[in-house]
Structures are given as C-alpha cells and as structure tokens.
Amino acid sequence: MKIFKTEFKVRTYECDLYGHVNNAVYLNYFEAARVEFLETIDLNLAKLKEIGFLLPIVRIEIDYKRPLFPGDIIEVTAEWVKRGVSSSIFKQNVIKKKTQELAASALVTWVATDLKGKPVPIPEVILENAKGYFGTLPNLGK
C-alpha cells in the first residue's frame, strides 16, 4: 500500500527549554499531515462537514525515538493500516529527512461521525478517494 508523505521544517518556536521539539508539537505535525492527506484526495474538513460528517480523533499513541532541532527538515507519513465499519487507524511517522532517522511514530484512531457526533459507517467518498490514492485499503476488520 502506498504511504502518504509530506515535509515540514522545524521552527524555533516549536522547541522547548531543552532546545529540541516539544513532545506536544508532534501532535501538530501528525495533524498537519492528515489534513494535507485529505486535501490530496480532494477532501477537506469543511467539505466533509458540508456533506454531513466529521472525522474526530479518539486515540493517539506516540512513541518518541529521537529529538528534532530547529531547521531540521522532517518527513511526516500517514499509512492506513486498519479499518473498521466506522473507525480506522493510521500509522504515522516523523522522520528526520537528512539522516532518515525515525523521530516519532504514532497510531492514530479516528471515527466517522454524523454532525452530532454519532458514529456512522465510513462514507464512500472517503473510501473511494483514498483507494484512488493508496491503490488498496485495509480489508474491513483488519
């Protein structure tokens, strides 16, 4: 399966007193990559809401491996690894581009809901558009 990739540059204001990227900032990197992925498959959060559903994140597990510093160029990936009827999991990585070292990895669980927050089956528009990008999707239940 194809993996979505995008790049960012670490900014000084993302760093803490230790001089490296603060652990909470990785959530922003992961979110920005998922938003860019949606745009790549011709969707965005406003469009999803317009057609009647949301994709809230319900769980994120992050493993921090190596620090990042101001000026580092990073690659953030998103790979669709598990699919249920209404929820799915993306595996995401933050990789230091210059050395290809893994800085952090995450498992991100999201749920398709209606506008009131009630879980609904993952809309066909997401499945079809994502399949067009990834080529294949995880089988239901895997």
Protein backbone atom coordinates (compact mmCIF):
# COMPACT_ATOMS: atom_id res chain seq x y z
CA MET A 1 0.00 0.00 0.00
CA LYS A 2 1.19 3.50 -0.83
CA ILE A 3 2.20 5.77 2.06
CA PHE A 4 1.31 9.48 2.09
CA LYS A 5 4.33 11.75 2.72
CA THR A 6 4.74 15.47 3.30
CA GLU A 7 7.59 17.68 4.53
CA PHE A 8 7.93 20.42 7.13
CA LYS A 9 10.77 22.48 8.58
CA VAL A 10 11.19 22.55 12.37
CA ARG A 11 10.70 26.11 13.63
CA THR A 12 12.44 27.57 16.67
CA TYR A 13 9.18 28.34 18.48
CA GLU A 14 8.30 24.62 18.42
CA CYS A 15 11.25 23.88 20.70
CA ASP A 16 11.32 23.83 24.48
CA LEU A 17 13.95 24.80 27.04
CA TYR A 18 15.96 21.69 26.16
CA GLY A 19 16.40 23.09 22.64
CA HIS A 20 14.52 20.30 20.88
CA VAL A 21 10.96 19.96 19.61
CA ASN A 22 8.49 19.81 22.47
CA ASN A 23 6.66 16.48 22.64
CA ALA A 24 3.23 18.14 22.24
CA VAL A 25 4.28 19.66 18.89
CA TYR A 26 4.37 16.20 17.31
CA LEU A 27 0.56 16.19 17.55
CA ASN A 28 0.60 19.25 15.26
CA TYR A 29 2.90 17.52 12.77
CA PHE A 30 0.67 14.45 12.66
CA GLU A 31 -2.49 16.55 12.30
CA ALA A 32 -1.00 18.72 9.54
CA ALA A 33 -0.04 15.60 7.56
CA ARG A 34 -3.56 14.16 7.90
CA VAL A 35 -5.10 17.45 6.75
CA GLU A 36 -2.74 17.51 3.75
CA PHE A 37 -3.66 13.91 3.00
CA LEU A 38 -7.36 14.83 2.93
CA GLU A 39 -6.58 17.69 0.55
CA THR A 40 -4.59 15.32 -1.66
CA ILE A 41 -7.67 13.10 -2.04
CA ASP A 42 -9.80 16.15 -2.86
CA LEU A 43 -11.43 16.46 0.56
CA ASN A 44 -11.01 18.83 3.47
CA LEU A 45 -12.66 19.25 6.83
CA ALA A 46 -15.08 21.92 5.57
CA LYS A 47 -16.14 19.74 2.63
CA LEU A 48 -16.65 16.74 4.91
CA LYS A 49 -18.80 18.80 7.25
CA GLU A 50 -20.77 20.15 4.29
CA ILE A 51 -21.69 16.62 3.21
CA GLY A 52 -22.66 15.69 6.75
CA PHE A 53 -19.89 14.03 8.67
CA LEU A 54 -16.78 14.57 10.80
CA LEU A 55 -13.60 12.58 11.45
CA PRO A 56 -12.69 13.13 15.10
CA ILE A 57 -9.55 11.59 16.54
CA VAL A 58 -10.37 9.35 19.51
CA ARG A 59 -6.94 7.99 20.39
CA ILE A 60 -3.29 8.71 19.66
CA GLU A 61 -0.37 6.61 20.89
CA ILE A 62 3.03 8.24 20.30
CA ASP A 63 6.49 6.75 20.71
CA TYR A 64 9.30 9.31 20.78
CA LYS A 65 12.57 7.98 19.37
CA ARG A 66 14.99 10.86 18.65
CA PRO A 67 14.96 14.61 19.20
CA LEU A 68 14.44 17.16 16.45
CA PHE A 69 16.03 20.61 16.38
CA PRO A 70 15.36 23.98 14.72
CA GLY A 71 15.99 23.85 10.99
CA ASP A 72 15.59 20.08 10.67
CA ILE A 73 13.58 19.07 7.62
CA ILE A 74 11.13 16.34 8.52
CA GLU A 75 9.00 13.97 6.53
CA VAL A 76 5.66 13.06 8.09
CA THR A 77 3.89 9.99 6.77
CA ALA A 78 0.39 8.54 7.00
CA GLU A 79 -0.41 4.92 6.23
CA TRP A 80 -3.91 3.47 6.59
CA VAL A 81 -3.27 0.22 8.49
CA LYS A 82 -6.62 -0.87 9.95
CA ARG A 83 -10.26 -0.34 9.00
CA GLY A 84 -13.49 -0.99 10.85
CA VAL A 85 -17.03 -0.08 9.90
CA SER A 86 -16.82 3.43 11.34
CA SER A 87 -13.30 3.70 12.73
CA SER A 88 -9.81 3.31 11.32
CA ILE A 89 -6.18 3.57 12.32
CA PHE A 90 -3.41 5.46 10.59
CA LYS A 91 0.22 4.71 11.37
CA GLN A 92 2.21 7.93 11.19
CA ASN A 93 5.93 8.58 11.36
CA VAL A 94 8.08 11.66 11.71
CA ILE A 95 11.42 11.08 10.01
CA LYS A 96 14.45 13.37 10.07
CA LYS A 97 14.98 13.80 6.32
CA LYS A 98 18.78 14.27 6.32
CA THR A 99 19.57 11.07 8.24
CA GLN A 100 16.33 9.09 7.66
CA GLU A 101 16.17 8.56 11.44
CA LEU A 102 12.76 7.93 12.97
CA ALA A 103 11.98 10.75 15.41
CA ALA A 104 8.49 9.61 16.44
CA SER A 105 5.78 7.17 15.45
CA ALA A 106 2.09 7.18 16.25
CA LEU A 107 -1.03 5.09 15.90
CA VAL A 108 -3.96 7.43 15.31
CA THR A 109 -7.52 6.15 15.67
CA TRP A 110 -10.31 8.17 14.08
CA VAL A 111 -14.04 7.66 13.79
CA ALA A 112 -16.50 8.79 11.14
CA THR A 113 -19.45 10.51 12.82
CA ASP A 114 -22.50 12.48 11.81
CA LEU A 115 -22.56 16.18 12.71
CA LYS A 116 -23.92 15.34 16.18
CA GLY A 117 -21.03 13.01 16.97
CA LYS A 118 -22.82 9.69 16.45
CA PRO A 119 -20.59 7.06 14.75
CA VAL A 120 -21.58 6.23 11.17
CA PRO A 121 -20.05 3.92 8.55
CA ILE A 122 -17.02 5.44 6.85
CA PRO A 123 -18.51 7.40 3.94
CA GLU A 124 -17.98 6.02 0.43
CA VAL A 125 -16.44 9.32 -0.71
CA ILE A 126 -13.54 8.76 1.71
CA LEU A 127 -13.13 5.11 0.76
CA GLU A 128 -13.23 5.79 -2.98
CA ASN A 129 -10.96 8.85 -2.88
CA ALA A 130 -8.46 7.15 -0.55
CA LYS A 131 -8.47 4.00 -2.68
CA GLY A 132 -7.65 6.19 -5.68
CA TYR A 133 -4.58 7.47 -3.81
CA PHE A 134 -3.41 4.37 -1.90
CA GLY A 135 -4.43 1.83 -4.54
CA THR A 136 -5.83 -0.52 -1.92
CA LEU A 137 -7.26 -0.09 1.57
CA PRO A 138 -7.08 -2.39 4.58
CA ASN A 139 -9.80 -5.03 4.50
CA LEU A 140 -12.72 -4.42 6.79
CA GLY A 141 -11.82 -5.71 10.23
CA LYS A 142 -8.07 -5.75 9.57
